[in-house]
């Protein structure tokens, strides 16, 4: 039996037991929890307020591979010339952290936190940019939940932005993951409860027969199963073969933009209203 060990480091609480590898309190409306697979460093986007408020107080926390804070306010809106209102979905590509921020995608240096650039999508009608996904070629895809749209950003062409698809059938798209073998996006529709496939031509089709409610995050596990979070019900599902649904964790407070840490075979779970993040080992 593994002994419970409590280490209090204000304002962070770490708890190690058989249920999870680590837990970190002290977040403020955390939305996305990601690992940099190259270094094992974790990053957490914190809205710190209303998800639509342009209040310039959002921040990104940086944790070491054991979950201890390197810098809780590694990137902070309103400091060092940084504008960051309500950061949500993140992806880490090479040396950059990309994060959505209402109607803009911002890019930061993952080592220094320095702002490297912004991509303003407001003139294209972006209303509530939420999640990010990236292809092996480095193309970024951005979901616009309130705009029922997905945008495409090409860093190789001076961050050119194009509309990949705008369609009410997207059902308020939230979390996304790029399905490399099939060259498509898998999108959770938070409004309709559908899990959808979206090909690179913008065609939309249902992937999972079962409908859910208020889905948020999505990722693949090591075996290629889909892992999705139910924000309001407080559950996480593993879906095998796009058909068999299994509840793998429940009784959580608002699990938001989850991701899979393949390096350590564990889920990374941000609790939006619980103001904490934690990990859940996979069997």
C-alpha atoms as a PDB file:
ATOM      1  CA  UNK A   1       0.000   0.000   0.000  1.00  0.00           C
ATOM      2  CA  UNK A   2       1.248   3.454  -0.886  1.00  0.00           C
ATOM      3  CA  UNK A   3       1.308   5.809   2.028  1.00  0.00           C
ATOM      4  CA  UNK A   4      -0.449   9.162   1.745  1.00  0.00           C
ATOM      5  CA  UNK A   5       1.998  12.047   1.928  1.00  0.00           C
ATOM      6  CA  UNK A   6       0.860  15.629   2.298  1.00  0.00           C
ATOM      7  CA  UNK A   7       3.250  18.469   1.487  1.00  0.00           C
ATOM      8  CA  UNK A   8       1.893  21.971   1.921  1.00  0.00           C
ATOM      9  CA  UNK A   9       3.608  24.715  -0.018  1.00  0.00           C
ATOM     10  CA  UNK A  10       1.433  27.796   0.073  1.00  0.00           C
ATOM     11  CA  UNK A  11      -0.605  28.279  -2.024  1.00  0.00           C
ATOM     12  CA  UNK A  12      -0.060  24.889  -3.654  1.00  0.00           C
ATOM     13  CA  UNK A  13      -1.118  21.584  -2.138  1.00  0.00           C
ATOM     14  CA  UNK A  14       0.381  18.392  -3.497  1.00  0.00           C
ATOM     15  CA  UNK A  15      -1.141  15.070  -2.652  1.00  0.00           C
ATOM     16  CA  UNK A  16       0.341  11.736  -3.688  1.00  0.00           C
ATOM     17  CA  UNK A  17      -1.695   8.579  -3.298  1.00  0.00           C
ATOM     18  CA  UNK A  18      -2.869   5.662  -5.438  1.00  0.00           C
ATOM     19  CA  UNK A  19      -5.572   7.814  -7.089  1.00  0.00           C
ATOM     20  CA  UNK A  20      -3.313  10.288  -8.839  1.00  0.00           C
ATOM     21  CA  UNK A  21       0.319  11.192  -9.305  1.00  0.00           C
ATOM     22  CA  UNK A  22      -0.100  14.788  -8.209  1.00  0.00           C
ATOM     23  CA  UNK A  23      -2.594  17.520  -7.527  1.00  0.00           C
ATOM     24  CA  UNK A  24      -2.049  21.274  -7.485  1.00  0.00           C
ATOM     25  CA  UNK A  25      -4.405  23.794  -5.888  1.00  0.00           C
ATOM     26  CA  UNK A  26      -4.126  27.548  -6.216  1.00  0.00           C
ATOM     27  CA  UNK A  27      -5.269  27.811  -9.828  1.00  0.00           C
ATOM     28  CA  UNK A  28      -7.861  30.388 -10.885  1.00  0.00           C
ATOM     29  CA  UNK A  29     -10.466  29.058 -13.296  1.00  0.00           C
ATOM     30  CA  UNK A  30      -8.074  26.625 -15.013  1.00  0.00           C
ATOM     31  CA  UNK A  31      -9.162  25.590 -18.488  1.00  0.00           C
ATOM     32  CA  UNK A  32      -6.350  23.684 -20.219  1.00  0.00           C
ATOM     33  CA  UNK A  33      -3.670  21.405 -18.715  1.00  0.00           C
ATOM     34  CA  UNK A  34      -0.884  20.293 -21.063  1.00  0.00           C
ATOM     35  CA  UNK A  35       2.499  18.593 -20.947  1.00  0.00           C
ATOM     36  CA  UNK A  36       5.449  19.502 -23.108  1.00  0.00           C
ATOM     37  CA  UNK A  37       6.436  15.983 -24.212  1.00  0.00           C
ATOM     38  CA  UNK A  38       9.977  17.103 -24.956  1.00  0.00           C
ATOM     39  CA  UNK A  39      10.717  18.257 -21.396  1.00  0.00           C
ATOM     40  CA  UNK A  40       8.006  16.830 -19.128  1.00  0.00           C
ATOM     41  CA  UNK A  41       7.088  20.356 -18.009  1.00  0.00           C
ATOM     42  CA  UNK A  42       3.385  21.078 -17.452  1.00  0.00           C
ATOM     43  CA  UNK A  43       1.500  24.250 -18.354  1.00  0.00           C
ATOM     44  CA  UNK A  44      -1.951  25.350 -17.126  1.00  0.00           C
ATOM     45  CA  UNK A  45      -4.025  28.143 -18.665  1.00  0.00           C
ATOM     46  CA  UNK A  46      -5.939  30.138 -16.042  1.00  0.00           C
ATOM     47  CA  UNK A  47      -8.831  32.418 -17.021  1.00  0.00           C
ATOM     48  CA  UNK A  48      -9.046  34.076 -13.585  1.00  0.00           C
ATOM     49  CA  UNK A  49     -12.493  35.563 -14.122  1.00  0.00           C
ATOM     50  CA  UNK A  50     -15.234  35.449 -16.730  1.00  0.00           C
ATOM     51  CA  UNK A  51     -14.367  33.462 -19.883  1.00  0.00           C
ATOM     52  CA  UNK A  52     -15.465  36.368 -22.104  1.00  0.00           C
ATOM     53  CA  UNK A  53     -13.999  39.252 -20.102  1.00  0.00           C
ATOM     54  CA  UNK A  54     -11.172  41.251 -21.646  1.00  0.00           C
ATOM     55  CA  UNK A  55      -9.683  42.049 -18.251  1.00  0.00           C
ATOM     56  CA  UNK A  56      -6.009  41.259 -18.973  1.00  0.00           C
ATOM     57  CA  UNK A  57      -5.532  39.191 -15.828  1.00  0.00           C
ATOM     58  CA  UNK A  58      -5.288  35.688 -17.297  1.00  0.00           C
ATOM     59  CA  UNK A  59      -2.131  33.675 -16.695  1.00  0.00           C
ATOM     60  CA  UNK A  60      -0.312  30.460 -17.523  1.00  0.00           C
ATOM     61  CA  UNK A  61       1.217  28.411 -14.715  1.00  0.00           C
ATOM     62  CA  UNK A  62       4.347  26.293 -15.174  1.00  0.00           C
ATOM     63  CA  UNK A  63       4.902  23.096 -13.150  1.00  0.00           C
ATOM     64  CA  UNK A  64       7.881  20.762 -13.059  1.00  0.00           C
ATOM     65  CA  UNK A  65       7.549  17.037 -13.959  1.00  0.00           C
ATOM     66  CA  UNK A  66       6.594  16.191 -10.365  1.00  0.00           C
ATOM     67  CA  UNK A  67       3.835  18.815 -10.331  1.00  0.00           C
ATOM     68  CA  UNK A  68       5.652  21.364  -8.176  1.00  0.00           C
ATOM     69  CA  UNK A  69       5.431  24.998  -9.280  1.00  0.00           C
ATOM     70  CA  UNK A  70       8.250  26.479 -11.272  1.00  0.00           C
ATOM     71  CA  UNK A  71       6.284  29.702 -11.652  1.00  0.00           C
ATOM     72  CA  UNK A  72       2.550  29.963 -11.001  1.00  0.00           C
ATOM     73  CA  UNK A  73       2.400  33.152 -13.055  1.00  0.00           C
ATOM     74  CA  UNK A  74       4.946  32.167 -15.681  1.00  0.00           C
ATOM     75  CA  UNK A  75       2.992  34.212 -18.228  1.00  0.00           C
ATOM     76  CA  UNK A  76       0.816  36.951 -16.735  1.00  0.00           C
ATOM     77  CA  UNK A  77      -1.579  39.320 -18.441  1.00  0.00           C
ATOM     78  CA  UNK A  78      -0.794  42.948 -17.653  1.00  0.00           C
ATOM     79  CA  UNK A  79       2.904  42.348 -16.974  1.00  0.00           C
ATOM     80  CA  UNK A  80       6.000  42.602 -19.179  1.00  0.00           C
ATOM     81  CA  UNK A  81       3.938  43.894 -22.078  1.00  0.00           C
ATOM     82  CA  UNK A  82       1.745  40.777 -22.166  1.00  0.00           C
ATOM     83  CA  UNK A  83      -1.942  40.952 -23.015  1.00  0.00           C
ATOM     84  CA  UNK A  84      -3.773  37.839 -21.840  1.00  0.00           C
ATOM     85  CA  UNK A  85      -7.440  38.070 -20.973  1.00  0.00           C
ATOM     86  CA  UNK A  86      -9.024  34.624 -20.693  1.00  0.00           C
ATOM     87  CA  UNK A  87      -6.619  31.926 -21.933  1.00  0.00           C
ATOM     88  CA  UNK A  88      -8.271  28.627 -22.784  1.00  0.00           C
ATOM     89  CA  UNK A  89      -7.063  25.900 -25.145  1.00  0.00           C
ATOM     90  CA  UNK A  90      -3.319  25.357 -25.528  1.00  0.00           C
ATOM     91  CA  UNK A  91      -0.934  23.366 -27.699  1.00  0.00           C
ATOM     92  CA  UNK A  92       2.836  23.181 -27.468  1.00  0.00           C
ATOM     93  CA  UNK A  93       4.648  23.039 -30.792  1.00  0.00           C
ATOM     94  CA  UNK A  94       8.459  22.945 -30.805  1.00  0.00           C
ATOM     95  CA  UNK A  95       9.545  25.970 -28.732  1.00  0.00           C
ATOM     96  CA  UNK A  96       6.160  27.732 -28.697  1.00  0.00           C
ATOM     97  CA  UNK A  97       3.047  27.702 -26.558  1.00  0.00           C
ATOM     98  CA  UNK A  98      -0.079  28.632 -28.511  1.00  0.00           C
ATOM     99  CA  UNK A  99      -3.153  29.635 -26.517  1.00  0.00           C
ATOM    100  CA  UNK A 100      -6.606  30.910 -27.449  1.00  0.00           C
ATOM    101  CA  UNK A 101      -7.783  34.185 -25.922  1.00  0.00           C
ATOM    102  CA  UNK A 102     -11.406  35.094 -26.805  1.00  0.00           C
ATOM    103  CA  UNK A 103     -10.854  36.271 -30.403  1.00  0.00           C
ATOM    104  CA  UNK A 104      -7.075  35.926 -30.656  1.00  0.00           C
ATOM    105  CA  UNK A 105      -4.433  33.197 -30.644  1.00  0.00           C
ATOM    106  CA  UNK A 106      -1.257  34.159 -28.796  1.00  0.00           C
ATOM    107  CA  UNK A 107       2.187  32.553 -29.092  1.00  0.00           C
ATOM    108  CA  UNK A 108       4.756  32.500 -26.290  1.00  0.00           C
ATOM    109  CA  UNK A 109       8.255  31.125 -25.872  1.00  0.00           C
ATOM    110  CA  UNK A 110       7.912  28.014 -23.715  1.00  0.00           C
ATOM    111  CA  UNK A 111      11.255  28.620 -21.957  1.00  0.00           C
ATOM    112  CA  UNK A 112      11.116  32.344 -21.251  1.00  0.00           C
ATOM    113  CA  UNK A 113       7.397  33.157 -21.440  1.00  0.00           C
ATOM    114  CA  UNK A 114       8.141  35.973 -23.873  1.00  0.00           C
ATOM    115  CA  UNK A 115       5.332  36.956 -26.227  1.00  0.00           C
ATOM    116  CA  UNK A 116       6.316  35.924 -29.747  1.00  0.00           C
ATOM    117  CA  UNK A 117       3.222  36.983 -31.653  1.00  0.00           C
ATOM    118  CA  UNK A 118      -0.544  37.250 -31.904  1.00  0.00           C
ATOM    119  CA  UNK A 119      -3.042  36.153 -34.520  1.00  0.00           C
ATOM    120  CA  UNK A 120      -6.165  38.316 -34.384  1.00  0.00           C
ATOM    121  CA  UNK A 121      -9.247  36.504 -35.705  1.00  0.00           C
ATOM    122  CA  UNK A 122     -11.794  39.144 -34.716  1.00  0.00           C
ATOM    123  CA  UNK A 123     -12.121  40.535 -38.239  1.00  0.00           C
ATOM    124  CA  UNK A 124     -13.053  37.055 -39.443  1.00  0.00           C
ATOM    125  CA  UNK A 125     -15.937  36.991 -36.987  1.00  0.00           C
ATOM    126  CA  UNK A 126     -14.368  34.925 -34.216  1.00  0.00           C
ATOM    127  CA  UNK A 127     -16.533  35.158 -31.106  1.00  0.00           C
ATOM    128  CA  UNK A 128     -15.331  32.620 -28.530  1.00  0.00           C
ATOM    129  CA  UNK A 129     -12.138  30.818 -29.508  1.00  0.00           C
ATOM    130  CA  UNK A 130     -11.839  27.739 -27.365  1.00  0.00           C
ATOM    131  CA  UNK A 131      -9.584  24.820 -28.215  1.00  0.00           C
ATOM    132  CA  UNK A 132      -6.561  24.218 -30.417  1.00  0.00           C
ATOM    133  CA  UNK A 133      -5.370  21.155 -32.309  1.00  0.00           C
ATOM    134  CA  UNK A 134      -2.308  20.725 -34.465  1.00  0.00           C
ATOM    135  CA  UNK A 135      -1.476  18.445 -37.380  1.00  0.00           C
ATOM    136  CA  UNK A 136       1.903  16.716 -37.875  1.00  0.00           C
ATOM    137  CA  UNK A 137       2.651  19.382 -40.494  1.00  0.00           C
ATOM    138  CA  UNK A 138       2.243  22.098 -37.854  1.00  0.00           C
ATOM    139  CA  UNK A 139      -1.101  23.451 -39.055  1.00  0.00           C
ATOM    140  CA  UNK A 140      -3.185  24.853 -36.198  1.00  0.00           C
ATOM    141  CA  UNK A 141      -6.947  24.400 -35.975  1.00  0.00           C
ATOM    142  CA  UNK A 142      -9.014  26.605 -33.660  1.00  0.00           C
ATOM    143  CA  UNK A 143     -12.590  26.022 -32.513  1.00  0.00           C
ATOM    144  CA  UNK A 144     -14.958  28.981 -32.165  1.00  0.00           C
ATOM    145  CA  UNK A 145     -17.680  27.713 -29.846  1.00  0.00           C
ATOM    146  CA  UNK A 146     -20.144  30.578 -30.156  1.00  0.00           C
ATOM    147  CA  UNK A 147     -19.423  31.125 -33.839  1.00  0.00           C
ATOM    148  CA  UNK A 148     -19.952  27.455 -34.830  1.00  0.00           C
ATOM    149  CA  UNK A 149     -16.690  27.601 -36.746  1.00  0.00           C
ATOM    150  CA  UNK A 150     -13.223  26.108 -37.028  1.00  0.00           C
ATOM    151  CA  UNK A 151     -10.318  28.194 -38.294  1.00  0.00           C
ATOM    152  CA  UNK A 152      -7.046  27.060 -39.830  1.00  0.00           C
ATOM    153  CA  UNK A 153      -3.746  28.826 -39.122  1.00  0.00           C
ATOM    154  CA  UNK A 154      -0.621  28.060 -41.150  1.00  0.00           C
ATOM    155  CA  UNK A 155       2.563  29.158 -39.312  1.00  0.00           C
ATOM    156  CA  UNK A 156       4.584  28.295 -42.406  1.00  0.00           C
ATOM    157  CA  UNK A 157       2.766  30.969 -44.401  1.00  0.00           C
ATOM    158  CA  UNK A 158       3.188  33.874 -41.996  1.00  0.00           C
ATOM    159  CA  UNK A 159       0.328  32.583 -39.818  1.00  0.00           C
ATOM    160  CA  UNK A 160      -2.232  32.888 -42.596  1.00  0.00           C
ATOM    161  CA  UNK A 161      -5.759  32.322 -41.286  1.00  0.00           C
ATOM    162  CA  UNK A 162      -8.534  30.672 -43.293  1.00  0.00           C
ATOM    163  CA  UNK A 163     -11.988  29.494 -42.359  1.00  0.00           C
ATOM    164  CA  UNK A 164     -11.967  25.695 -42.356  1.00  0.00           C
ATOM    165  CA  UNK A 165     -15.722  25.361 -41.768  1.00  0.00           C
ATOM    166  CA  UNK A 166     -18.646  27.318 -40.372  1.00  0.00           C
ATOM    167  CA  UNK A 167     -21.798  25.273 -39.875  1.00  0.00           C
ATOM    168  CA  UNK A 168     -24.549  24.987 -37.255  1.00  0.00           C
ATOM    169  CA  UNK A 169     -24.054  21.213 -37.324  1.00  0.00           C
ATOM    170  CA  UNK A 170     -20.841  21.772 -35.360  1.00  0.00           C
ATOM    171  CA  UNK A 171     -23.155  22.294 -32.385  1.00  0.00           C
ATOM    172  CA  UNK A 172     -20.938  24.778 -30.531  1.00  0.00           C
ATOM    173  CA  UNK A 173     -17.569  23.069 -31.073  1.00  0.00           C
ATOM    174  CA  UNK A 174     -15.372  22.868 -28.021  1.00  0.00           C
ATOM    175  CA  UNK A 175     -12.513  20.379 -27.615  1.00  0.00           C
ATOM    176  CA  UNK A 176     -10.678  19.076 -30.667  1.00  0.00           C
ATOM    177  CA  UNK A 177      -7.948  16.578 -31.463  1.00  0.00           C
ATOM    178  CA  UNK A 178      -6.245  15.843 -34.774  1.00  0.00           C
ATOM    179  CA  UNK A 179      -6.722  12.243 -35.943  1.00  0.00           C
ATOM    180  CA  UNK A 180      -3.449  11.704 -37.803  1.00  0.00           C
ATOM    181  CA  UNK A 181      -4.091   8.273 -39.405  1.00  0.00           C
ATOM    182  CA  UNK A 182      -7.375   9.485 -40.893  1.00  0.00           C
ATOM    183  CA  UNK A 183      -6.292  13.097 -41.540  1.00  0.00           C
ATOM    184  CA  UNK A 184      -9.290  14.690 -39.853  1.00  0.00           C
ATOM    185  CA  UNK A 185     -10.350  16.514 -36.732  1.00  0.00           C
ATOM    186  CA  UNK A 186     -12.430  14.929 -33.998  1.00  0.00           C
ATOM    187  CA  UNK A 187     -14.590  17.573 -32.365  1.00  0.00           C
ATOM    188  CA  UNK A 188     -16.852  17.515 -29.313  1.00  0.00           C
ATOM    189  CA  UNK A 189     -20.014  19.589 -29.735  1.00  0.00           C
ATOM    190  CA  UNK A 190     -20.803  21.056 -26.334  1.00  0.00           C
ATOM    191  CA  UNK A 191     -24.207  22.288 -27.458  1.00  0.00           C
ATOM    192  CA  UNK A 192     -25.601  19.128 -29.053  1.00  0.00           C
ATOM    193  CA  UNK A 193     -23.598  16.445 -27.245  1.00  0.00           C
ATOM    194  CA  UNK A 194     -22.285  14.929 -30.457  1.00  0.00           C
ATOM    195  CA  UNK A 195     -18.765  13.728 -31.188  1.00  0.00           C
ATOM    196  CA  UNK A 196     -18.031  14.654 -34.777  1.00  0.00           C
ATOM    197  CA  UNK A 197     -15.496  14.034 -37.480  1.00  0.00           C
ATOM    198  CA  UNK A 198     -14.488  16.986 -39.638  1.00  0.00           C
ATOM    199  CA  UNK A 199     -12.321  16.245 -42.655  1.00  0.00           C
ATOM    200  CA  UNK A 200      -9.857  18.683 -44.169  1.00  0.00           C
ATOM    201  CA  UNK A 201     -12.423  19.790 -46.742  1.00  0.00           C
ATOM    202  CA  UNK A 202     -14.845  20.831 -44.008  1.00  0.00           C
ATOM    203  CA  UNK A 203     -17.219  17.875 -44.314  1.00  0.00           C
ATOM    204  CA  UNK A 204     -18.939  17.045 -41.030  1.00  0.00           C
ATOM    205  CA  UNK A 205     -20.097  13.576 -39.988  1.00  0.00           C
ATOM    206  CA  UNK A 206     -21.079  11.845 -36.728  1.00  0.00           C
ATOM    207  CA  UNK A 207     -18.503   9.488 -35.221  1.00  0.00           C
ATOM    208  CA  UNK A 208     -20.065   8.145 -32.022  1.00  0.00           C
ATOM    209  CA  UNK A 209     -23.716   7.001 -31.955  1.00  0.00           C
ATOM    210  CA  UNK A 210     -24.235   7.974 -28.311  1.00  0.00           C
ATOM    211  CA  UNK A 211     -25.081  11.577 -27.488  1.00  0.00           C
ATOM    212  CA  UNK A 212     -23.726  13.275 -24.400  1.00  0.00           C
ATOM    213  CA  UNK A 213     -24.243  16.631 -22.685  1.00  0.00           C
ATOM    214  CA  UNK A 214     -21.842  19.530 -22.211  1.00  0.00           C
ATOM    215  CA  UNK A 215     -18.679  17.808 -23.392  1.00  0.00           C
ATOM    216  CA  UNK A 216     -15.489  19.834 -23.071  1.00  0.00           C
ATOM    217  CA  UNK A 217     -12.076  18.225 -23.621  1.00  0.00           C
ATOM    218  CA  UNK A 218     -10.897  15.399 -25.861  1.00  0.00           C
ATOM    219  CA  UNK A 219      -7.690  13.486 -26.542  1.00  0.00           C
ATOM    220  CA  UNK A 220      -6.390  10.046 -27.540  1.00  0.00           C
ATOM    221  CA  UNK A 221      -4.846   7.566 -25.118  1.00  0.00           C
ATOM    222  CA  UNK A 222      -1.930   5.273 -25.936  1.00  0.00           C
ATOM    223  CA  UNK A 223      -4.196   2.699 -27.560  1.00  0.00           C
ATOM    224  CA  UNK A 224      -5.943   5.205 -29.794  1.00  0.00           C
ATOM    225  CA  UNK A 225      -9.154   5.325 -27.746  1.00  0.00           C
ATOM    226  CA  UNK A 226     -10.925   8.674 -27.398  1.00  0.00           C
ATOM    227  CA  UNK A 227     -10.995  10.233 -23.936  1.00  0.00           C
ATOM    228  CA  UNK A 228     -13.619  12.956 -23.381  1.00  0.00           C
ATOM    229  CA  UNK A 229     -14.734  15.017 -20.391  1.00  0.00           C
ATOM    230  CA  UNK A 230     -18.288  15.883 -19.375  1.00  0.00           C
ATOM    231  CA  UNK A 231     -18.080  19.342 -17.825  1.00  0.00           C
ATOM    232  CA  UNK A 232     -21.415  19.465 -15.971  1.00  0.00           C
ATOM    233  CA  UNK A 233     -21.764  15.790 -15.027  1.00  0.00           C
ATOM    234  CA  UNK A 234     -18.213  15.600 -13.722  1.00  0.00           C
ATOM    235  CA  UNK A 235     -17.268  12.460 -15.623  1.00  0.00           C
ATOM    236  CA  UNK A 236     -14.604  11.274 -18.035  1.00  0.00           C
ATOM    237  CA  UNK A 237     -15.291   8.627 -20.664  1.00  0.00           C
ATOM    238  CA  UNK A 238     -13.080   6.310 -22.672  1.00  0.00           C
ATOM    239  CA  UNK A 239     -14.593   5.429 -26.040  1.00  0.00           C
ATOM    240  CA  UNK A 240     -13.232   2.348 -27.791  1.00  0.00           C
ATOM    241  CA  UNK A 241     -13.737   1.860 -31.499  1.00  0.00           C
ATOM    242  CA  UNK A 242     -15.896   5.018 -31.652  1.00  0.00           C
ATOM    243  CA  UNK A 243     -18.693   2.953 -30.098  1.00  0.00           C
ATOM    244  CA  UNK A 244     -18.050   1.366 -26.685  1.00  0.00           C
ATOM    245  CA  UNK A 245     -18.349   3.974 -23.910  1.00  0.00           C
ATOM    246  CA  UNK A 246     -16.777   3.403 -20.500  1.00  0.00           C
ATOM    247  CA  UNK A 247     -16.824   5.770 -17.505  1.00  0.00           C
ATOM    248  CA  UNK A 248     -13.267   5.873 -16.181  1.00  0.00           C
ATOM    249  CA  UNK A 249     -13.655   8.661 -13.610  1.00  0.00           C
ATOM    250  CA  UNK A 250     -16.624  10.423 -12.031  1.00  0.00           C
ATOM    251  CA  UNK A 251     -17.677  12.690  -9.168  1.00  0.00           C
ATOM    252  CA  UNK A 252     -15.397  15.506 -10.288  1.00  0.00           C
ATOM    253  CA  UNK A 253     -16.026  19.244 -10.285  1.00  0.00           C
ATOM    254  CA  UNK A 254     -16.205  20.623 -13.843  1.00  0.00           C
ATOM    255  CA  UNK A 255     -13.431  18.750 -15.668  1.00  0.00           C
ATOM    256  CA  UNK A 256     -12.556  21.095 -18.522  1.00  0.00           C
ATOM    257  CA  UNK A 257      -9.985  20.799 -21.336  1.00  0.00           C
ATOM    258  CA  UNK A 258      -8.369  17.502 -20.395  1.00  0.00           C
ATOM    259  CA  UNK A 259      -5.362  16.074 -22.202  1.00  0.00           C
ATOM    260  CA  UNK A 260      -3.411  12.829 -22.219  1.00  0.00           C
ATOM    261  CA  UNK A 261       0.146  12.648 -20.951  1.00  0.00           C
ATOM    262  CA  UNK A 262       1.555   9.767 -23.006  1.00  0.00           C
ATOM    263  CA  UNK A 263       4.969  10.170 -21.384  1.00  0.00           C
ATOM    264  CA  UNK A 264       3.522   9.062 -18.024  1.00  0.00           C
ATOM    265  CA  UNK A 265       0.341   7.309 -19.212  1.00  0.00           C
ATOM    266  CA  UNK A 266      -1.982   9.583 -17.284  1.00  0.00           C
ATOM    267  CA  UNK A 267      -4.798  12.052 -17.808  1.00  0.00           C
ATOM    268  CA  UNK A 268      -4.273  15.723 -17.067  1.00  0.00           C
ATOM    269  CA  UNK A 269      -7.486  17.134 -15.598  1.00  0.00           C
ATOM    270  CA  UNK A 270      -8.209  20.814 -14.879  1.00  0.00           C
ATOM    271  CA  UNK A 271     -11.111  21.467 -12.507  1.00  0.00           C
ATOM    272  CA  UNK A 272     -12.579  24.704 -13.839  1.00  0.00           C
ATOM    273  CA  UNK A 273     -14.631  25.656 -10.782  1.00  0.00           C
ATOM    274  CA  UNK A 274     -12.508  23.676  -8.329  1.00  0.00           C
ATOM    275  CA  UNK A 275      -9.479  25.903  -9.037  1.00  0.00           C
ATOM    276  CA  UNK A 276      -7.087  22.974  -9.160  1.00  0.00           C
ATOM    277  CA  UNK A 277      -5.484  20.500 -11.552  1.00  0.00           C
ATOM    278  CA  UNK A 278      -4.660  16.851 -11.008  1.00  0.00           C
ATOM    279  CA  UNK A 279      -3.525  13.750 -12.844  1.00  0.00           C
ATOM    280  CA  UNK A 280      -5.218  10.379 -13.146  1.00  0.00           C
ATOM    281  CA  UNK A 281      -3.122   7.304 -14.049  1.00  0.00           C
ATOM    282  CA  UNK A 282      -4.544   5.114 -16.813  1.00  0.00           C
ATOM    283  CA  UNK A 283      -4.680   1.342 -16.574  1.00  0.00           C
END
